[in-house]
PDB file of all heavy atoms in Angstrom:
ATOM      1  N   ILE A   1     106.994 105.590 123.819  1.00  0.00           N
ATOM      2  CA  ILE A   1     106.736 104.220 123.417  1.00  0.00           C
ATOM      3  C   ILE A   1     107.903 103.725 122.576  1.00  0.00           C
ATOM      4  O   ILE A   1     108.392 104.440 121.701  1.00  0.00           O
ATOM      5  CB  ILE A   1     105.437 104.151 122.594  1.00  0.00           C
ATOM      6  CG1 ILE A   1     104.241 104.519 123.485  1.00  0.00           C
ATOM      7  CG2 ILE A   1     105.230 102.787 121.982  1.00  0.00           C
ATOM      8  CD1 ILE A   1     104.003 103.560 124.620  1.00  0.00           C
ATOM      9  N   PRO A   2     108.401 102.492 122.812  1.00  0.00           N
ATOM     10  CA  PRO A   2     109.486 101.980 121.989  1.00  0.00           C
ATOM     11  C   PRO A   2     109.026 101.792 120.552  1.00  0.00           C
ATOM     12  O   PRO A   2     107.841 101.747 120.261  1.00  0.00           O
ATOM     13  CB  PRO A   2     109.814 100.623 122.652  1.00  0.00           C
ATOM     14  CG  PRO A   2     108.575 100.254 123.392  1.00  0.00           C
ATOM     15  CD  PRO A   2     107.963 101.538 123.848  1.00  0.00           C
ATOM     16  N   GLU A   3     109.975 101.698 119.621  1.00  0.00           N
ATOM     17  CA  GLU A   3     109.635 101.474 118.227  1.00  0.00           C
ATOM     18  C   GLU A   3     108.784 100.220 118.102  1.00  0.00           C
ATOM     19  O   GLU A   3     109.042  99.199 118.731  1.00  0.00           O
ATOM     20  CB  GLU A   3     110.904 101.302 117.386  1.00  0.00           C
ATOM     21  CG  GLU A   3     111.699 102.577 117.219  1.00  0.00           C
ATOM     22  CD  GLU A   3     110.947 103.626 116.414  1.00  0.00           C
ATOM     23  OE1 GLU A   3     110.214 103.233 115.485  1.00  0.00           O
ATOM     24  OE2 GLU A   3     111.070 104.820 116.715  1.00  0.00           O
ATOM     25  N   VAL A   4     107.767 100.306 117.237  1.00  0.00           N
ATOM     26  CA  VAL A   4     106.866  99.159 117.060  1.00  0.00           C
ATOM     27  C   VAL A   4     107.626  97.934 116.595  1.00  0.00           C
ATOM     28  O   VAL A   4     107.381  96.820 117.036  1.00  0.00           O
ATOM     29  CB  VAL A   4     105.760  99.523 116.055  1.00  0.00           C
ATOM     30  CG1 VAL A   4     104.924  98.295 115.717  1.00  0.00           C
ATOM     31  CG2 VAL A   4     104.875 100.613 116.624  1.00  0.00           C
ATOM     32  N   ALA A   5     108.588  98.144 115.693  1.00  0.00           N
ATOM     33  CA  ALA A   5     109.348  97.005 115.189  1.00  0.00           C
ATOM     34  C   ALA A   5     110.059  96.263 116.310  1.00  0.00           C
ATOM     35  O   ALA A   5     110.177  95.040 116.297  1.00  0.00           O
ATOM     36  CB  ALA A   5     110.364  97.473 114.137  1.00  0.00           C
ATOM     37  N   ASP A   6     110.546  97.008 117.322  1.00  0.00           N
ATOM     38  CA  ASP A   6     111.223  96.362 118.438  1.00  0.00           C
ATOM     39  C   ASP A   6     110.264  95.480 119.217  1.00  0.00           C
ATOM     40  O   ASP A   6     110.614  94.387 119.653  1.00  0.00           O
ATOM     41  CB  ASP A   6     111.819  97.412 119.374  1.00  0.00           C
ATOM     42  CG  ASP A   6     112.962  98.178 118.723  1.00  0.00           C
ATOM     43  OD1 ASP A   6     113.522  97.656 117.744  1.00  0.00           O
ATOM     44  OD2 ASP A   6     113.265  99.290 119.196  1.00  0.00           O
ATOM     45  N   SER A   7     109.028  95.973 119.404  1.00  0.00           N
ATOM     46  CA  SER A   7     108.069  95.192 120.176  1.00  0.00           C
ATOM     47  C   SER A   7     107.689  93.915 119.442  1.00  0.00           C
ATOM     48  O   SER A   7     107.334  92.917 120.064  1.00  0.00           O
ATOM     49  CB  SER A   7     106.810  96.020 120.465  1.00  0.00           C
ATOM     50  OG  SER A   7     106.099  96.296 119.283  1.00  0.00           O
ATOM     51  N   LEU A   8     107.798  93.926 118.117  1.00  0.00           N
ATOM     52  CA  LEU A   8     107.424  92.738 117.359  1.00  0.00           C
ATOM     53  C   LEU A   8     108.445  91.617 117.520  1.00  0.00           C
ATOM     54  O   LEU A   8     108.165  90.472 117.184  1.00  0.00           O
ATOM     55  CB  LEU A   8     107.272  93.085 115.872  1.00  0.00           C
ATOM     56  CG  LEU A   8     106.030  93.901 115.514  1.00  0.00           C
ATOM     57  CD1 LEU A   8     106.063  94.269 114.035  1.00  0.00           C
ATOM     58  CD2 LEU A   8     104.761  93.142 115.844  1.00  0.00           C
ATOM     59  N   ASP A   9     109.643  91.912 118.023  1.00  0.00           N
ATOM     60  CA  ASP A   9     110.640  90.871 118.239  1.00  0.00           C
ATOM     61  C   ASP A   9     110.160  89.848 119.260  1.00  0.00           C
ATOM     62  O   ASP A   9     110.709  88.750 119.348  1.00  0.00           O
ATOM     63  CB  ASP A   9     111.956  91.491 118.718  1.00  0.00           C
ATOM     64  CG  ASP A   9     112.668  92.231 117.606  1.00  0.00           C
ATOM     65  OD1 ASP A   9     112.398  91.934 116.436  1.00  0.00           O
ATOM     66  OD2 ASP A   9     113.487  93.101 117.929  1.00  0.00           O
ATOM     67  N   LEU A  10     109.143  90.189 120.038  1.00  0.00           N
ATOM     68  CA  LEU A  10     108.617  89.272 121.048  1.00  0.00           C
ATOM     69  C   LEU A  10     107.810  88.150 120.422  1.00  0.00           C
ATOM     70  O   LEU A  10     107.498  87.166 121.075  1.00  0.00           O
ATOM     71  CB  LEU A  10     107.727  90.046 122.030  1.00  0.00           C
ATOM     72  CG  LEU A  10     108.405  91.183 122.799  1.00  0.00           C
ATOM     73  CD1 LEU A  10     107.349  91.941 123.599  1.00  0.00           C
ATOM     74  CD2 LEU A  10     109.481  90.640 123.712  1.00  0.00           C
ATOM     75  N   PHE A  11     107.449  88.281 119.152  1.00  0.00           N
ATOM     76  CA  PHE A  11     106.548  87.340 118.516  1.00  0.00           C
ATOM     77  C   PHE A  11     107.276  86.501 117.473  1.00  0.00           C
ATOM     78  O   PHE A  11     108.286  86.901 116.910  1.00  0.00           O
ATOM     79  CB  PHE A  11     105.392  88.079 117.827  1.00  0.00           C
ATOM     80  CG  PHE A  11     104.573  88.919 118.763  1.00  0.00           C
ATOM     81  CD1 PHE A  11     104.820  90.279 118.896  1.00  0.00           C
ATOM     82  CD2 PHE A  11     103.555  88.360 119.517  1.00  0.00           C
ATOM     83  CE1 PHE A  11     104.075  91.054 119.753  1.00  0.00           C
ATOM     84  CE2 PHE A  11     102.804  89.128 120.376  1.00  0.00           C
ATOM     85  CZ  PHE A  11     103.063  90.481 120.498  1.00  0.00           C
ATOM     86  N   ASN A  12     106.710  85.336 117.208  1.00  0.00           N
ATOM     87  CA  ASN A  12     107.145  84.560 116.056  1.00  0.00           C
ATOM     88  C   ASN A  12     106.449  85.142 114.843  1.00  0.00           C
ATOM     89  O   ASN A  12     105.229  85.045 114.707  1.00  0.00           O
ATOM     90  CB  ASN A  12     106.759  83.085 116.240  1.00  0.00           C
ATOM     91  CG  ASN A  12     107.127  82.249 115.025  1.00  0.00           C
ATOM     92  OD1 ASN A  12     107.739  82.742 114.070  1.00  0.00           O
ATOM     93  ND2 ASN A  12     106.750  80.986 115.056  1.00  0.00           N
ATOM     94  N   THR A  13     107.199  85.775 113.947  1.00  0.00           N
ATOM     95  CA  THR A  13     106.596  86.515 112.854  1.00  0.00           C
ATOM     96  C   THR A  13     106.580  85.738 111.541  1.00  0.00           C
ATOM     97  O   THR A  13     106.297  86.290 110.494  1.00  0.00           O
ATOM     98  CB  THR A  13     107.331  87.841 112.643  1.00  0.00           C
ATOM     99  OG1 THR A  13     108.714  87.570 112.357  1.00  0.00           O
ATOM    100  CG2 THR A  13     107.224  88.715 113.890  1.00  0.00           C
ATOM    101  N   THR A  14     106.899  84.450 111.599  1.00  0.00           N
ATOM    102  CA  THR A  14     106.857  83.628 110.395  1.00  0.00           C
ATOM    103  C   THR A  14     105.412  83.309 110.039  1.00  0.00           C
ATOM    104  O   THR A  14     104.604  82.982 110.911  1.00  0.00           O
ATOM    105  CB  THR A  14     107.632  82.311 110.606  1.00  0.00           C
ATOM    106  OG1 THR A  14     108.968  82.626 111.000  1.00  0.00           O
ATOM    107  CG2 THR A  14     107.654  81.483 109.331  1.00  0.00           C
ATOM    108  N   ILE A  15     105.091  83.377 108.761  1.00  0.00           N
ATOM    109  CA  ILE A  15     103.733  83.075 108.342  1.00  0.00           C
ATOM    110  C   ILE A  15     103.407  81.608 108.646  1.00  0.00           C
ATOM    111  O   ILE A  15     104.189  80.707 108.321  1.00  0.00           O
ATOM    112  CB  ILE A  15     103.543  83.384 106.836  1.00  0.00           C
ATOM    113  CG1 ILE A  15     102.088  83.210 106.445  1.00  0.00           C
ATOM    114  CG2 ILE A  15     104.466  82.568 105.971  1.00  0.00           C
ATOM    115  CD1 ILE A  15     101.776  83.760 105.065  1.00  0.00           C
ATOM    116  N   PRO A  16     102.305  81.317 109.312  1.00  0.00           N
ATOM    117  CA  PRO A  16     101.992  79.941 109.722  1.00  0.00           C
ATOM    118  C   PRO A  16     101.709  79.027 108.525  1.00  0.00           C
ATOM    119  O   PRO A  16     101.048  79.430 107.570  1.00  0.00           O
ATOM    120  CB  PRO A  16     100.720  80.111 110.576  1.00  0.00           C
ATOM    121  CG  PRO A  16     100.667  81.563 110.932  1.00  0.00           C
ATOM    122  CD  PRO A  16     101.318  82.286 109.809  1.00  0.00           C
ATOM    123  N   ASP A  17     102.218  77.798 108.610  1.00  0.00           N
ATOM    124  CA  ASP A  17     101.945  76.829 107.556  1.00  0.00           C
ATOM    125  C   ASP A  17     100.456  76.553 107.424  1.00  0.00           C
ATOM    126  O   ASP A  17      99.955  76.280 106.335  1.00  0.00           O
ATOM    127  CB  ASP A  17     102.681  75.512 107.846  1.00  0.00           C
ATOM    128  CG  ASP A  17     104.190  75.667 107.724  1.00  0.00           C
ATOM    129  OD1 ASP A  17     104.633  76.623 107.046  1.00  0.00           O
ATOM    130  OD2 ASP A  17     104.910  74.852 108.322  1.00  0.00           O
ATOM    131  N   GLU A  18      99.749  76.615 108.559  1.00  0.00           N
ATOM    132  CA  GLU A  18      98.310  76.348 108.530  1.00  0.00           C
ATOM    133  C   GLU A  18      97.570  77.356 107.648  1.00  0.00           C
ATOM    134  O   GLU A  18      96.534  77.051 107.072  1.00  0.00           O
ATOM    135  CB  GLU A  18      97.720  76.402 109.953  1.00  0.00           C
ATOM    136  CG  GLU A  18      98.195  75.290 110.877  1.00  0.00           C
ATOM    137  CD  GLU A  18      99.545  75.603 111.520  1.00  0.00           C
ATOM    138  OE1 GLU A  18     100.105  76.680 111.220  1.00  0.00           O
ATOM    139  OE2 GLU A  18     100.031  74.772 112.313  1.00  0.00           O
ATOM    140  N   LEU A  19      98.138  78.554 107.537  1.00  0.00           N
ATOM    141  CA  LEU A  19      97.503  79.580 106.718  1.00  0.00           C
ATOM    142  C   LEU A  19      97.808  79.359 105.239  1.00  0.00           C
ATOM    143  O   LEU A  19      96.903  79.347 104.404  1.00  0.00           O
ATOM    144  CB  LEU A  19      97.988  80.965 107.150  1.00  0.00           C
ATOM    145  CG  LEU A  19      97.396  82.163 106.407  1.00  0.00           C
ATOM    146  CD1 LEU A  19      95.883  82.203 106.559  1.00  0.00           C
ATOM    147  CD2 LEU A  19      98.015  83.463 106.910  1.00  0.00           C
ATOM    148  N   THR A  20      99.065  79.153 104.908  1.00  0.00           N
ATOM    149  CA  THR A  20      99.437  79.025 103.505  1.00  0.00           C
ATOM    150  C   THR A  20      98.917  77.738 102.884  1.00  0.00           C
ATOM    151  O   THR A  20      98.763  77.659 101.666  1.00  0.00           O
ATOM    152  CB  THR A  20     100.962  79.086 103.339  1.00  0.00           C
ATOM    153  OG1 THR A  20     101.567  78.062 104.134  1.00  0.00           O
ATOM    154  CG2 THR A  20     101.492  80.446 103.774  1.00  0.00           C
ATOM    155  N   SER A  21      98.658  76.725 103.708  1.00  0.00           N
ATOM    156  CA  SER A  21      98.159  75.457 103.179  1.00  0.00           C
ATOM    157  C   SER A  21      96.645  75.413 103.081  1.00  0.00           C
ATOM    158  O   SER A  21      96.084  74.461 102.536  1.00  0.00           O
ATOM    159  CB  SER A  21      98.640  74.296 104.059  1.00  0.00           C
ATOM    160  OG  SER A  21      98.137  74.410 105.380  1.00  0.00           O
ATOM    161  N   ASP A  22      95.972  76.434 103.578  1.00  0.00           N
ATOM    162  CA  ASP A  22      94.513  76.474 103.523  1.00  0.00           C
ATOM    163  C   ASP A  22      94.060  76.666 102.082  1.00  0.00           C
ATOM    164  O   ASP A  22      94.643  77.449 101.328  1.00  0.00           O
ATOM    165  CB  ASP A  22      93.991  77.617 104.396  1.00  0.00           C
ATOM    166  CG  ASP A  22      92.483  77.535 104.614  1.00  0.00           C
ATOM    167  OD1 ASP A  22      91.739  77.772 103.652  1.00  0.00           O
ATOM    168  OD2 ASP A  22      92.068  77.234 105.742  1.00  0.00           O
ATOM    169  N   LEU A  23      92.981  75.981 101.704  1.00  0.00           N
ATOM    170  CA  LEU A  23      92.477  76.054 100.331  1.00  0.00           C
ATOM    171  C   LEU A  23      91.976  77.456  99.981  1.00  0.00           C
ATOM    172  O   LEU A  23      91.890  77.805  98.802  1.00  0.00           O
ATOM    173  CB  LEU A  23      91.358  75.034 100.124  1.00  0.00           C
ATOM    174  CG  LEU A  23      91.776  73.560 100.180  1.00  0.00           C
ATOM    175  CD1 LEU A  23      90.552  72.654 100.034  1.00  0.00           C
ATOM    176  CD2 LEU A  23      92.808  73.250  99.094  1.00  0.00           C
ATOM    177  N   LEU A  24      91.626  78.255 100.975  1.00  0.00           N
ATOM    178  CA  LEU A  24      91.126  79.595 100.724  1.00  0.00           C
ATOM    179  C   LEU A  24      92.238  80.640 100.672  1.00  0.00           C
ATOM    180  O   LEU A  24      91.969  81.822 100.490  1.00  0.00           O
ATOM    181  CB  LEU A  24      90.104  79.994 101.802  1.00  0.00           C
ATOM    182  CG  LEU A  24      88.823  79.161 101.869  1.00  0.00           C
ATOM    183  CD1 LEU A  24      87.935  79.645 103.002  1.00  0.00           C
ATOM    184  CD2 LEU A  24      88.081  79.222 100.541  1.00  0.00           C
ATOM    185  N   TYR A  25      93.475  80.196 100.848  1.00  0.00           N
ATOM    186  CA  TYR A  25      94.599  81.128 100.870  1.00  0.00           C
ATOM    187  C   TYR A  25      95.110  81.381  99.454  1.00  0.00           C
ATOM    188  O   TYR A  25      95.195  80.483  98.631  1.00  0.00           O
ATOM    189  CB  TYR A  25      95.734  80.566 101.727  1.00  0.00           C
ATOM    190  CG  TYR A  25      96.945  81.470 101.829  1.00  0.00           C
ATOM    191  CD1 TYR A  25      97.001  82.479 102.771  1.00  0.00           C
ATOM    192  CD2 TYR A  25      98.027  81.319 100.959  1.00  0.00           C
ATOM    193  CE1 TYR A  25      98.107  83.320 102.866  1.00  0.00           C
ATOM    194  CE2 TYR A  25      99.132  82.154 101.042  1.00  0.00           C
ATOM    195  CZ  TYR A  25      99.164  83.155 101.998  1.00  0.00           C
ATOM    196  OH  TYR A  25     100.259  83.980 102.075  1.00  0.00           O
ATOM    197  N   GLY A  26      95.477  82.616  99.183  1.00  0.00           N
ATOM    198  CA  GLY A  26      96.135  82.945  97.923  1.00  0.00           C
ATOM    199  C   GLY A  26      95.284  83.794  96.999  1.00  0.00           C
ATOM    200  O   GLY A  26      94.092  83.556  96.831  1.00  0.00           O
ATOM    201  N   ALA A  27      95.913  84.798  96.413  1.00  0.00           N
ATOM    202  CA  ALA A  27      95.248  85.689  95.461  1.00  0.00           C
ATOM    203  C   ALA A  27      95.883  85.528  94.083  1.00  0.00           C
ATOM    204  O   ALA A  27      97.020  85.074  93.955  1.00  0.00           O
ATOM    205  CB  ALA A  27      95.371  87.146  95.926  1.00  0.00           C
ATOM    206  N   PRO A  28      95.161  85.895  93.043  1.00  0.00           N
ATOM    207  CA  PRO A  28      95.751  85.847  91.700  1.00  0.00           C
ATOM    208  C   PRO A  28      96.953  86.782  91.587  1.00  0.00           C
ATOM    209  O   PRO A  28      97.056  87.781  92.308  1.00  0.00           O
ATOM    210  CB  PRO A  28      94.601  86.330  90.798  1.00  0.00           C
ATOM    211  CG  PRO A  28      93.357  86.169  91.595  1.00  0.00           C
ATOM    212  CD  PRO A  28      93.760  86.347  93.029  1.00  0.00           C
ATOM    213  N   ASP A  29      97.864  86.457  90.679  1.00  0.00           N
ATOM    214  CA  ASP A  29      98.987  87.345  90.413  1.00  0.00           C
ATOM    215  C   ASP A  29      98.480  88.646  89.793  1.00  0.00           C
ATOM    216  O   ASP A  29      97.438  88.668  89.113  1.00  0.00           O
ATOM    217  CB  ASP A  29      99.977  86.685  89.449  1.00  0.00           C
ATOM    218  CG  ASP A  29     100.690  85.493  90.071  1.00  0.00           C
ATOM    219  OD1 ASP A  29     100.799  85.453  91.318  1.00  0.00           O
ATOM    220  OD2 ASP A  29     101.130  84.607  89.306  1.00  0.00           O
ATOM    221  N   ASN A  30      99.210  89.701  90.005  1.00  0.00           N
ATOM    222  CA  ASN A  30      98.895  90.968  89.349  1.00  0.00           C
ATOM    223  C   ASN A  30      99.443  90.931  87.922  1.00  0.00           C
ATOM    224  O   ASN A  30     100.649  91.064  87.713  1.00  0.00           O
ATOM    225  CB  ASN A  30      99.506  92.140  90.129  1.00  0.00           C
ATOM    226  CG  ASN A  30      98.839  92.361  91.467  1.00  0.00           C
ATOM    227  OD1 ASN A  30      97.654  92.156  91.625  1.00  0.00           O
ATOM    228  ND2 ASN A  30      99.626  92.793  92.452  1.00  0.00           N
ATOM    229  N   ASP A  31      98.564  90.725  86.964  1.00  0.00           N
ATOM    230  CA  ASP A  31      98.957  90.591  85.563  1.00  0.00           C
ATOM    231  C   ASP A  31      98.684  91.909  84.844  1.00  0.00           C
ATOM    232  O   ASP A  31      97.554  92.188  84.431  1.00  0.00           O
ATOM    233  CB  ASP A  31      98.169  89.452  84.908  1.00  0.00           C
ATOM    234  CG  ASP A  31      98.529  89.256  83.446  1.00  0.00           C
ATOM    235  OD1 ASP A  31      99.475  89.923  82.973  1.00  0.00           O
ATOM    236  OD2 ASP A  31      97.852  88.459  82.770  1.00  0.00           O
ATOM    237  N   PHE A  32      99.721  92.699  84.680  1.00  0.00           N
ATOM    238  CA  PHE A  32      99.547  94.011  84.058  1.00  0.00           C
ATOM    239  C   PHE A  32      99.382  93.918  82.544  1.00  0.00           C
ATOM    240  O   PHE A  32      99.110  94.929  81.885  1.00  0.00           O
ATOM    241  CB  PHE A  32     100.730  94.915  84.413  1.00  0.00           C
ATOM    242  CG  PHE A  32     100.770  95.293  85.868  1.00  0.00           C
ATOM    243  CD1 PHE A  32     101.668  94.683  86.743  1.00  0.00           C
ATOM    244  CD2 PHE A  32      99.897  96.243  86.374  1.00  0.00           C
ATOM    245  CE1 PHE A  32     101.698  95.028  88.084  1.00  0.00           C
ATOM    246  CE2 PHE A  32      99.918  96.594  87.716  1.00  0.00           C
ATOM    247  CZ  PHE A  32     100.819  95.980  88.579  1.00  0.00           C
ATOM    248  N   ASN A  33      99.514  92.720  81.991  1.00  0.00           N
ATOM    249  CA  ASN A  33      99.241  92.504  80.567  1.00  0.00           C
ATOM    250  C   ASN A  33      97.793  92.090  80.319  1.00  0.00           C
ATOM    251  O   ASN A  33      97.392  91.888  79.179  1.00  0.00           O
ATOM    252  CB  ASN A  33     100.182  91.428  80.002  1.00  0.00           C
ATOM    253  CG  ASN A  33     101.633  91.889  80.011  1.00  0.00           C
ATOM    254  OD1 ASN A  33     101.933  93.029  79.647  1.00  0.00           O
ATOM    255  ND2 ASN A  33     102.531  91.010  80.440  1.00  0.00           N
ATOM    256  N   CYS A  34      97.031  91.962  81.385  1.00  0.00           N
ATOM    257  CA  CYS A  34      95.624  91.571  81.273  1.00  0.00           C
ATOM    258  C   CYS A  34      94.848  92.620  80.474  1.00  0.00           C
ATOM    259  O   CYS A  34      95.067  93.821  80.626  1.00  0.00           O
ATOM    260  CB  CYS A  34      95.025  91.421  82.674  1.00  0.00           C
ATOM    261  SG  CYS A  34      93.262  91.022  82.712  1.00  0.00           S
ATOM    262  N   LYS A  35      93.930  92.153  79.624  1.00  0.00           N
ATOM    263  CA  LYS A  35      93.109  93.035  78.814  1.00  0.00           C
ATOM    264  C   LYS A  35      91.632  92.766  79.085  1.00  0.00           C
ATOM    265  O   LYS A  35      91.216  91.617  79.191  1.00  0.00           O
ATOM    266  CB  LYS A  35      93.395  92.830  77.326  1.00  0.00           C
ATOM    267  CG  LYS A  35      94.852  93.089  76.923  1.00  0.00           C
ATOM    268  CD  LYS A  35      95.269  94.532  77.201  1.00  0.00           C
ATOM    269  CE  LYS A  35      96.720  94.773  76.788  1.00  0.00           C
ATOM    270  NZ  LYS A  35      97.176  96.147  77.142  1.00  0.00           N
ATOM    271  N   SER A  36      90.859  93.835  79.208  1.00  0.00           N
ATOM    272  CA  SER A  36      89.425  93.702  79.442  1.00  0.00           C
ATOM    273  C   SER A  36      88.731  94.968  78.957  1.00  0.00           C
ATOM    274  O   SER A  36      89.329  96.055  78.945  1.00  0.00           O
ATOM    275  CB  SER A  36      89.131  93.508  80.939  1.00  0.00           C
ATOM    276  OG  SER A  36      87.735  93.514  81.187  1.00  0.00           O
ATOM    277  N   GLU A  37      87.476  94.833  78.565  1.00  0.00           N
ATOM    278  CA  GLU A  37      86.690  96.001  78.180  1.00  0.00           C
ATOM    279  C   GLU A  37      86.253  96.798  79.410  1.00  0.00           C
ATOM    280  O   GLU A  37      85.835  97.948  79.297  1.00  0.00           O
ATOM    281  CB  GLU A  37      85.462  95.571  77.379  1.00  0.00           C
ATOM    282  CG  GLU A  37      85.808  94.940  76.033  1.00  0.00           C
ATOM    283  CD  GLU A  37      84.566  94.535  75.267  1.00  0.00           C
ATOM    284  OE1 GLU A  37      83.460  94.656  75.830  1.00  0.00           O
ATOM    285  OE2 GLU A  37      84.710  94.092  74.113  1.00  0.00           O
ATOM    286  N   ARG A  38      86.347  96.167  80.578  1.00  0.00           N
ATOM    287  CA  ARG A  38      85.954  96.834  81.822  1.00  0.00           C
ATOM    288  C   ARG A  38      87.154  97.493  82.487  1.00  0.00           C
ATOM    289  O   ARG A  38      88.306  97.174  82.196  1.00  0.00           O
ATOM    290  CB  ARG A  38      85.327  95.815  82.781  1.00  0.00           C
ATOM    291  CG  ARG A  38      84.081  95.117  82.232  1.00  0.00           C
ATOM    292  CD  ARG A  38      83.465  94.253  83.320  1.00  0.00           C
ATOM    293  NE  ARG A  38      82.218  93.642  82.905  1.00  0.00           N
ATOM    294  CZ  ARG A  38      82.058  92.367  82.585  1.00  0.00           C
ATOM    295  NH1 ARG A  38      83.108  91.551  82.636  1.00  0.00           N
ATOM    296  NH2 ARG A  38      80.881  91.899  82.222  1.00  0.00           N
ATOM    297  N   ASN A  39      86.855  98.404  83.403  1.00  0.00           N
ATOM    298  CA  ASN A  39      87.936  99.020  84.171  1.00  0.00           C
ATOM    299  C   ASN A  39      88.683  97.967  84.977  1.00  0.00           C
ATOM    300  O   ASN A  39      88.065  97.042  85.514  1.00  0.00           O
ATOM    301  CB  ASN A  39      87.370 100.049  85.164  1.00  0.00           C
ATOM    302  CG  ASN A  39      86.815 101.284  84.496  1.00  0.00           C
ATOM    303  OD1 ASN A  39      87.049 101.526  83.321  1.00  0.00           O
ATOM    304  ND2 ASN A  39      86.069 102.066  85.260  1.00  0.00           N
ATOM    305  N   PRO A  40      90.000  98.091  85.106  1.00  0.00           N
ATOM    306  CA  PRO A  40      90.706  97.236  86.062  1.00  0.00           C
ATOM    307  C   PRO A  40      90.202  97.527  87.473  1.00  0.00           C
ATOM    308  O   PRO A  40      89.801  98.650  87.781  1.00  0.00           O
ATOM    309  CB  PRO A  40      92.173  97.621  85.896  1.00  0.00           C
ATOM    310  CG  PRO A  40      92.152  98.979  85.259  1.00  0.00           C
ATOM    311  CD  PRO A  40      90.901  99.041  84.436  1.00  0.00           C
ATOM    312  N   VAL A  41      90.222  96.496  88.329  1.00  0.00           N
ATOM    313  CA  VAL A  41      89.702  96.615  89.683  1.00  0.00           C
ATOM    314  C   VAL A  41      90.834  96.398  90.680  1.00  0.00           C
ATOM    315  O   VAL A  41      91.517  95.372  90.637  1.00  0.00           O
ATOM    316  CB  VAL A  41      88.573  95.596  89.944  1.00  0.00           C
ATOM    317  CG1 VAL A  41      88.051  95.739  91.378  1.00  0.00           C
ATOM    318  CG2 VAL A  41      87.437  95.784  88.948  1.00  0.00           C
ATOM    319  N   VAL A  42      91.014  97.347  91.572  1.00  0.00           N
ATOM    320  CA  VAL A  42      91.966  97.217  92.678  1.00  0.00           C
ATOM    321  C   VAL A  42      91.188  96.794  93.918  1.00  0.00           C
ATOM    322  O   VAL A  42      90.212  97.451  94.300  1.00  0.00           O
ATOM    323  CB  VAL A  42      92.700  98.550  92.941  1.00  0.00           C
ATOM    324  CG1 VAL A  42      93.494  98.481  94.243  1.00  0.00           C
ATOM    325  CG2 VAL A  42      93.622  98.883  91.769  1.00  0.00           C
ATOM    326  N   LEU A  43      91.610  95.702  94.546  1.00  0.00           N
ATOM    327  CA  LEU A  43      90.948  95.198  95.748  1.00  0.00           C
ATOM    328  C   LEU A  43      91.815  95.459  96.970  1.00  0.00           C
ATOM    329  O   LEU A  43      93.029  95.210  96.955  1.00  0.00           O
ATOM    330  CB  LEU A  43      90.653  93.702  95.616  1.00  0.00           C
ATOM    331  CG  LEU A  43      89.618  93.367  94.527  1.00  0.00           C
ATOM    332  CD1 LEU A  43      90.311  92.866  93.264  1.00  0.00           C
ATOM    333  CD2 LEU A  43      88.605  92.346  94.999  1.00  0.00           C
ATOM    334  N   LEU A  44      91.176  95.956  98.033  1.00  0.00           N
ATOM    335  CA  LEU A  44      91.884  96.350  99.250  1.00  0.00           C
ATOM    336  C   LEU A  44      91.373  95.569 100.449  1.00  0.00           C
ATOM    337  O   LEU A  44      90.180  95.610 100.770  1.00  0.00           O
ATOM    338  CB  LEU A  44      91.687  97.851  99.495  1.00  0.00           C
ATOM    339  CG  LEU A  44      92.156  98.780  98.367  1.00  0.00           C
ATOM    340  CD1 LEU A  44      91.774 100.224  98.682  1.00  0.00           C
ATOM    341  CD2 LEU A  44      93.661  98.651  98.145  1.00  0.00           C
ATOM    342  N   HIS A  45      92.267  94.861 101.122  1.00  0.00           N
ATOM    343  CA  HIS A  45      91.933  94.023 102.268  1.00  0.00           C
ATOM    344  C   HIS A  45      91.631  94.854 103.503  1.00  0.00           C
ATOM    345  O   HIS A  45      91.830  96.077 103.534  1.00  0.00           O
ATOM    346  CB  HIS A  45      93.072  93.051 102.557  1.00  0.00           C
ATOM    347  CG  HIS A  45      94.364  93.746 102.914  1.00  0.00           C
ATOM    348  ND1 HIS A  45      94.600  94.303 104.151  1.00  0.00           N
ATOM    349  CD2 HIS A  45      95.497  93.980 102.185  1.00  0.00           C
ATOM    350  CE1 HIS A  45      95.802  94.841 104.184  1.00  0.00           C
ATOM    351  NE2 HIS A  45      96.374  94.674 102.996  1.00  0.00           N
ATOM    352  N   GLY A  46      91.203  94.186 104.558  1.00  0.00           N
ATOM    353  CA  GLY A  46      90.856  94.849 105.809  1.00  0.00           C
ATOM    354  C   GLY A  46      91.971  94.806 106.835  1.00  0.00           C
ATOM    355  O   GLY A  46      93.104  94.368 106.571  1.00  0.00           O
ATOM    356  N   LEU A  47      91.635  95.257 108.033  1.00  0.00           N
ATOM    357  CA  LEU A  47      92.571  95.344 109.151  1.00  0.00           C
ATOM    358  C   LEU A  47      93.134  93.984 109.520  1.00  0.00           C
ATOM    359  O   LEU A  47      92.401  93.008 109.665  1.00  0.00           O
ATOM    360  CB  LEU A  47      91.843  95.952 110.352  1.00  0.00           C
ATOM    361  CG  LEU A  47      92.625  96.136 111.644  1.00  0.00           C
ATOM    362  CD1 LEU A  47      93.670  97.227 111.477  1.00  0.00           C
ATOM    363  CD2 LEU A  47      91.684  96.488 112.788  1.00  0.00           C
TER     364      LEU A  47
END
């Protein structure tokens, strides 16, 4: 099988404007100076 990266050249890999302009798009910055009495939480996205 050819390298996966090579096969991706067939696609437009730029992030779509429709996605970045959506109101539901975007996560908070990772603020390592944040303080809380609770454990910090790491969130992991899906496939």
